[in-house]
Amino acid sequence: MRPSMMRVSSEVQEALAHGRPVVALETTIIAHGMPYPTNLETALAVEHIVRSNGAVPATVGIVAGEITVGMTEAQLRFFATSDQVLKVVERDIPLVVSQKRHAATTVGASLAIASAVGIKVFVTGGIGAVAPGAGQTFDISADLQAIASYPCMTVCAGAKAFMDIAATLEYLETYSVPVIVYRSDTFPLFYSRSSGHKVEWVAQEVAEIAAAFAVQLALGIERGMLVGVPVPEAAALPTDIVRLAIEQALEKARLAGVTGKEMTPFVLAAIKEETSGESLAANVALVKNNAEIGTRIAVALSERNPALPA
């Protein structure tokens, strides 16, 4: 995508021009992932966390057909309260822009936009992944292809908890995406700290992650890197409770005939109901934690090479 077709805030432009760290943030979690006012409070808190850790937040969305990198508080408030905000994957962007619609960008769409303007670190809650039964349905999130396609690191708490983690890790290996987990040897499970699936690469410090990605960029490898950060222990839900809630939520989705990109918001809402709201608290905690770790990585990456936008 061409940066000339985007509205990049002056703050983000200046930071990128001077090699200061910038952290991209998505908007689907605001418009479709959490209820109001939690969504707005979380979005503002995450931006504050990015700033307080030494970087510039660049929340990505499409406002009245204009691809926007670095949204204003008023725009965030609109996205948090309006029912006119669509949820778009990368393929939808030309349609939304041409029709001058409002749209929240998924992980994949956010990565495409962030990468186009030179941002190297993107923070989200959880990524879309390989769905259960994908061997029959071919239901594989476009997020994975975007992670494999764009030279922008994704920092997350793992895949959405109802995805097939083993198949997701196999998919990422097939597309040569490095997967690193922060201070754990198993891939995180969104609401829970561990999915039980071992990973090959573990980093104890953010500097290790920044160093690896800096080398990847220096080698000219034009793909992303996935960093898993387990939800803070105090906010984590027991794995057995999460799995039971997921099973019940998926059954509700099946009975309601929910599929495609409507699946995630439906299932997240159902899991929230099944866990009496505990999953929402865990979601807020993991997003904030990801923002802190992701920003520290972005700062470390910027310090390794001041000329490299982070």
Protein backbone atom coordinates (compact mmCIF):
# COMPACT_ATOMS: atom_id res chain seq x y z
CA MET A 1 0.00 0.00 0.00
CA ARG A 2 1.09 3.55 -0.71
CA PRO A 3 1.65 5.83 2.30
CA SER A 4 0.52 8.73 0.15
CA MET A 5 -3.00 7.26 0.33
CA MET A 6 -2.98 7.45 4.14
CA ARG A 7 -3.40 10.13 6.79
CA VAL A 8 -0.47 9.74 9.18
CA SER A 9 -0.59 11.98 12.25
CA SER A 10 2.12 14.61 12.51
CA GLU A 11 3.35 13.03 15.75
CA VAL A 12 3.81 9.64 14.10
CA GLN A 13 5.40 11.20 11.00
CA GLU A 14 7.92 13.12 13.08
CA ALA A 15 8.83 10.08 15.18
CA LEU A 16 9.37 7.90 12.11
CA ALA A 17 11.41 10.59 10.37
CA HIS A 18 13.78 10.83 13.35
CA GLY A 19 14.06 7.11 14.05
CA ARG A 20 12.13 7.28 17.32
CA PRO A 21 10.12 4.22 18.41
CA VAL A 22 6.54 3.93 17.22
CA VAL A 23 4.09 1.18 18.20
CA ALA A 24 1.13 0.35 15.96
CA LEU A 25 -2.18 -0.59 17.60
CA GLU A 26 -5.33 -2.08 16.08
CA THR A 27 -8.92 -0.88 16.37
CA THR A 28 -10.96 -4.08 16.08
CA ILE A 29 -10.52 -4.62 19.80
CA ILE A 30 -12.08 -1.18 20.36
CA ALA A 31 -15.01 -1.45 17.97
CA HIS A 32 -15.77 -5.17 18.19
CA GLY A 33 -13.69 -6.84 20.90
CA MET A 34 -14.87 -5.20 24.13
CA PRO A 35 -18.05 -3.53 25.42
CA TYR A 36 -18.28 0.20 26.12
CA PRO A 37 -16.86 1.84 28.21
CA THR A 38 -14.19 -0.83 28.79
CA ASN A 39 -13.11 -0.61 25.15
CA LEU A 40 -12.44 3.14 25.26
CA GLU A 41 -10.81 3.02 28.69
CA THR A 42 -8.52 0.24 27.50
CA ALA A 43 -7.61 2.00 24.25
CA LEU A 44 -6.66 5.19 26.09
CA ALA A 45 -4.78 3.26 28.76
CA VAL A 46 -2.80 1.35 26.14
CA GLU A 47 -1.80 4.56 24.37
CA HIS A 48 -0.71 5.96 27.76
CA ILE A 49 1.36 2.83 28.43
CA VAL A 50 3.11 3.20 25.07
CA ARG A 51 3.94 6.85 25.76
CA SER A 52 5.08 6.25 29.34
CA ASN A 53 7.50 3.58 28.11
CA GLY A 54 9.12 5.92 25.61
CA ALA A 55 7.35 5.41 22.28
CA VAL A 56 4.63 7.00 20.15
CA PRO A 57 1.32 5.12 19.79
CA ALA A 58 -0.08 4.80 16.27
CA THR A 59 -3.61 3.44 16.47
CA VAL A 60 -4.74 2.32 13.01
CA GLY A 61 -8.24 2.56 11.53
CA ILE A 62 -10.24 3.81 8.57
CA VAL A 63 -12.21 6.99 9.24
CA ALA A 64 -14.77 8.03 6.62
CA GLY A 65 -12.77 6.18 3.98
CA GLU A 66 -9.42 7.61 5.05
CA ILE A 67 -6.75 5.16 6.18
CA THR A 68 -5.55 6.71 9.44
CA VAL A 69 -2.33 6.01 11.34
CA GLY A 70 -2.38 7.76 14.69
CA MET A 71 -6.01 8.31 15.62
CA THR A 72 -7.23 11.16 17.81
CA GLU A 73 -9.04 10.64 21.12
CA ALA A 74 -12.27 11.82 19.49
CA GLN A 75 -11.88 9.20 16.77
CA LEU A 76 -11.20 6.49 19.36
CA ARG A 77 -14.31 7.56 21.25
CA PHE A 78 -16.37 7.36 18.05
CA PHE A 79 -15.04 3.88 17.26
CA ALA A 80 -15.85 2.76 20.82
CA THR A 81 -19.47 3.91 20.70
CA SER A 82 -20.69 3.79 17.09
CA ASP A 83 -22.48 0.86 15.46
CA GLN A 84 -21.40 2.18 12.04
CA VAL A 85 -17.82 0.90 12.31
CA LEU A 86 -17.17 -2.15 10.17
CA LYS A 87 -14.62 -4.88 10.88
CA VAL A 88 -12.24 -5.22 7.94
CA VAL A 89 -9.50 -7.59 6.88
CA GLU A 90 -6.87 -6.47 4.37
CA ARG A 91 -8.87 -7.49 1.30
CA ASP A 92 -11.73 -5.18 2.35
CA ILE A 93 -9.67 -1.99 2.51
CA PRO A 94 -10.22 -0.79 -1.09
CA LEU A 95 -13.99 -1.26 -0.77
CA VAL A 96 -14.18 0.60 2.54
CA VAL A 97 -12.03 3.45 1.24
CA SER A 98 -13.98 3.79 -2.01
CA GLN A 99 -17.29 3.88 -0.11
CA LYS A 100 -15.94 6.29 2.49
CA ARG A 101 -16.96 4.00 5.36
CA HIS A 102 -15.65 3.75 8.90
CA ALA A 103 -13.76 0.56 9.69
CA ALA A 104 -11.76 -1.05 12.46
CA THR A 105 -8.74 -2.92 11.18
CA THR A 106 -7.94 -6.51 12.15
CA VAL A 107 -4.42 -7.71 12.93
CA GLY A 108 -3.74 -8.46 9.26
CA ALA A 109 -5.11 -5.16 7.96
CA SER A 110 -3.26 -3.22 10.67
CA LEU A 111 0.02 -4.93 9.80
CA ALA A 112 -0.38 -4.08 6.12
CA ILE A 113 -0.97 -0.41 6.95
CA ALA A 114 1.68 -0.13 9.67
CA SER A 115 4.30 -1.76 7.48
CA ALA A 116 3.50 0.59 4.59
CA VAL A 117 4.52 3.63 6.66
CA GLY A 118 7.59 1.97 8.16
CA ILE A 119 6.42 0.95 11.64
CA LYS A 120 8.27 -2.15 12.84
CA VAL A 121 6.37 -3.16 16.00
CA PHE A 122 2.66 -3.89 16.27
CA VAL A 123 0.84 -4.76 19.51
CA THR A 124 -2.48 -6.57 19.77
CA GLY A 125 -4.37 -8.81 22.19
CA GLY A 126 -4.53 -12.10 20.33
CA ILE A 127 -4.16 -13.05 16.69
CA GLY A 128 -6.58 -14.91 14.46
CA ALA A 129 -5.24 -18.33 13.59
CA VAL A 130 -6.09 -21.78 12.25
CA ALA A 131 -9.62 -22.65 13.32
CA PRO A 132 -10.59 -26.10 14.61
CA GLY A 133 -11.62 -28.25 11.65
CA ALA A 134 -9.71 -26.14 9.14
CA GLY A 135 -8.82 -29.30 7.26
CA GLN A 136 -12.42 -29.44 6.11
CA THR A 137 -13.43 -25.76 6.17
CA PHE A 138 -10.13 -24.07 5.16
CA ASP A 139 -10.87 -21.54 7.91
CA ILE A 140 -7.46 -19.95 8.41
CA SER A 141 -7.25 -16.33 9.51
CA ALA A 142 -5.72 -13.83 7.10
CA ASP A 143 -3.78 -12.56 10.13
CA LEU A 144 -1.29 -15.41 9.70
CA GLN A 145 -0.56 -14.58 6.07
CA ALA A 146 -0.07 -10.92 7.00
CA ILE A 147 2.36 -11.84 9.78
CA ALA A 148 4.28 -13.88 7.21
CA SER A 149 4.17 -11.16 4.55
CA TYR A 150 5.07 -7.86 6.25
CA PRO A 151 8.35 -6.89 8.00
CA CYS A 152 6.61 -5.81 11.19
CA MET A 153 6.82 -7.68 14.50
CA THR A 154 3.54 -8.74 16.14
CA VAL A 155 3.39 -8.82 19.95
CA CYS A 156 0.41 -10.75 21.32
CA ALA A 157 -0.82 -13.06 24.08
CA GLY A 158 -1.04 -15.91 21.60
CA ALA A 159 -3.89 -16.81 19.28
CA LYS A 160 -7.51 -16.40 20.25
CA ALA A 161 -8.10 -19.17 22.78
CA PHE A 162 -10.60 -21.10 20.65
CA MET A 163 -8.14 -21.62 17.77
CA ASP A 164 -6.12 -24.75 16.94
CA ILE A 165 -2.76 -23.83 18.47
CA ALA A 166 -0.81 -26.83 17.17
CA ALA A 167 -1.98 -26.22 13.60
CA THR A 168 -1.27 -22.51 13.95
CA LEU A 169 2.33 -23.10 14.99
CA GLU A 170 2.74 -25.55 12.09
CA TYR A 171 1.37 -22.94 9.68
CA LEU A 172 3.79 -20.30 10.95
CA GLU A 173 6.69 -22.73 10.61
CA THR A 174 5.67 -23.51 7.02
CA TYR A 175 5.80 -19.79 6.19
CA SER A 176 9.14 -19.32 8.00
CA VAL A 177 7.79 -16.98 10.67
CA PRO A 178 10.01 -16.93 13.78
CA VAL A 179 7.99 -17.47 16.97
CA ILE A 180 9.49 -16.27 20.25
CA VAL A 181 7.80 -16.46 23.66
CA TYR A 182 8.74 -14.05 26.41
CA ARG A 183 9.90 -15.84 29.55
CA SER A 184 8.05 -19.09 28.87
CA ASP A 185 8.79 -22.22 26.85
CA THR A 186 5.16 -22.77 25.83
CA PHE A 187 2.97 -20.71 23.51
CA PRO A 188 0.45 -18.64 25.50
CA LEU A 189 -3.29 -19.31 25.31
CA PHE A 190 -4.72 -15.79 25.47
CA TYR A 191 -6.70 -15.92 28.75
CA SER A 192 -4.36 -18.60 30.13
CA ARG A 193 -0.59 -18.47 30.41
CA SER A 194 0.12 -21.72 28.57
CA SER A 195 -1.41 -23.68 25.72
CA GLY A 196 0.82 -26.63 26.55
CA HIS A 197 2.53 -26.39 23.15
CA LYS A 198 6.29 -26.03 23.40
CA VAL A 199 8.19 -23.43 21.40
CA GLU A 200 11.79 -23.55 20.28
CA TRP A 201 12.76 -19.95 21.05
CA VAL A 202 12.43 -18.30 24.44
CA ALA A 203 13.60 -14.78 25.34
CA GLN A 204 14.25 -13.71 28.91
CA GLU A 205 14.78 -10.03 28.02
CA VAL A 206 13.27 -7.67 25.46
CA ALA A 207 16.75 -6.85 24.17
CA GLU A 208 17.08 -10.43 22.89
CA ILE A 209 13.91 -10.06 20.84
CA ALA A 210 14.95 -6.67 19.48
CA ALA A 211 18.37 -8.06 18.52
CA ALA A 212 16.85 -11.00 16.65
CA PHE A 213 14.45 -8.80 14.70
CA ALA A 214 17.17 -6.26 13.93
CA VAL A 215 19.26 -9.03 12.39
CA GLN A 216 16.25 -10.30 10.44
CA LEU A 217 15.72 -6.82 8.99
CA ALA A 218 19.44 -6.37 8.29
CA LEU A 219 19.45 -9.65 6.39
CA GLY A 220 16.70 -8.30 4.16
CA ILE A 221 14.18 -10.95 5.24
CA GLU A 222 10.87 -9.31 4.39
CA ARG A 223 8.56 -11.04 6.84
CA GLY A 224 7.34 -10.56 10.37
CA MET A 225 8.13 -12.14 13.70
CA LEU A 226 5.58 -13.33 16.26
CA VAL A 227 6.22 -12.64 19.93
CA GLY A 228 4.03 -14.39 22.48
CA VAL A 229 3.63 -12.76 25.89
CA PRO A 230 1.70 -14.74 28.52
CA VAL A 231 -1.12 -12.93 30.31
CA PRO A 232 0.01 -11.68 33.76
CA GLU A 233 -0.34 -14.44 36.31
CA ALA A 234 -2.66 -12.42 38.56
CA ALA A 235 -5.18 -12.03 35.72
CA ALA A 236 -4.83 -15.46 34.08
CA LEU A 237 -7.74 -17.89 34.02
CA PRO A 238 -7.30 -21.63 34.73
CA THR A 239 -6.93 -23.56 31.48
CA ASP A 240 -9.70 -26.05 32.30
CA ILE A 241 -12.20 -23.25 32.94
CA VAL A 242 -11.21 -21.54 29.68
CA ARG A 243 -11.52 -24.74 27.65
CA LEU A 244 -14.99 -25.47 29.05
CA ALA A 245 -16.13 -21.90 28.33
CA ILE A 246 -14.74 -22.17 24.80
CA GLU A 247 -16.61 -25.42 24.14
CA GLN A 248 -19.86 -23.86 25.29
CA ALA A 249 -19.23 -20.66 23.30
CA LEU A 250 -18.43 -22.60 20.12
CA GLU A 251 -21.62 -24.61 20.49
CA LYS A 252 -23.60 -21.36 20.78
CA ALA A 253 -21.87 -20.10 17.62
CA ARG A 254 -22.70 -23.34 15.78
CA LEU A 255 -26.36 -23.16 16.76
CA ALA A 256 -26.51 -19.49 15.75
CA GLY A 257 -24.84 -20.20 12.40
CA VAL A 258 -22.04 -17.71 13.06
CA THR A 259 -19.02 -18.00 10.74
CA GLY A 260 -16.16 -15.97 9.24
CA LYS A 261 -15.01 -12.69 10.73
CA GLU A 262 -18.15 -12.47 12.91
CA MET A 263 -16.97 -15.55 14.82
CA THR A 264 -14.39 -13.82 17.03
CA PRO A 265 -16.62 -11.09 18.54
CA PHE A 266 -19.47 -13.60 18.99
CA VAL A 267 -17.31 -16.19 20.74
CA LEU A 268 -15.50 -13.62 22.90
CA ALA A 269 -18.87 -12.30 24.10
CA ALA A 270 -20.08 -15.84 24.80
CA ILE A 271 -16.91 -16.68 26.73
CA LYS A 272 -17.35 -13.49 28.77
CA GLU A 273 -20.86 -14.67 29.66
CA GLU A 274 -19.68 -18.19 30.50
CA THR A 275 -16.90 -16.89 32.79
CA SER A 276 -19.08 -14.25 34.48
CA GLY A 277 -16.93 -11.46 33.08
CA GLU A 278 -13.56 -12.85 34.19
CA SER A 279 -12.42 -13.29 30.59
CA LEU A 280 -12.95 -9.58 29.89
CA ALA A 281 -10.76 -8.65 32.87
CA ALA A 282 -8.08 -11.03 31.60
CA ASN A 283 -8.38 -9.54 28.11
CA VAL A 284 -7.83 -6.01 29.42
CA ALA A 285 -4.85 -7.12 31.50
CA LEU A 286 -3.14 -8.98 28.66
CA VAL A 287 -3.58 -6.11 26.20
CA LYS A 288 -2.00 -3.67 28.65
CA ASN A 289 0.82 -6.09 29.38
CA ASN A 290 1.45 -6.65 25.67
CA ALA A 291 1.62 -2.88 25.18
CA GLU A 292 4.29 -2.53 27.85
CA ILE A 293 6.43 -5.42 26.58
CA GLY A 294 5.92 -4.43 22.93
CA THR A 295 6.91 -0.83 23.61
CA ARG A 296 10.05 -1.91 25.44
CA ILE A 297 10.95 -4.05 22.42
CA ALA A 298 10.32 -1.10 20.08
CA VAL A 299 12.54 1.15 22.20
CA ALA A 300 15.30 -1.47 22.28
CA LEU A 301 15.04 -1.93 18.51
CA SER A 302 15.27 1.83 17.96
CA GLU A 303 18.32 2.06 20.23
CA ARG A 304 20.10 -0.68 18.28
CA ASN A 305 19.79 1.35 15.09
CA PRO A 306 18.69 4.98 15.53
CA ALA A 307 18.11 5.29 11.79
CA LEU A 308 15.62 2.42 11.86
CA PRO A 309 11.99 3.36 12.62
CA ALA A 310 10.66 1.03 15.31
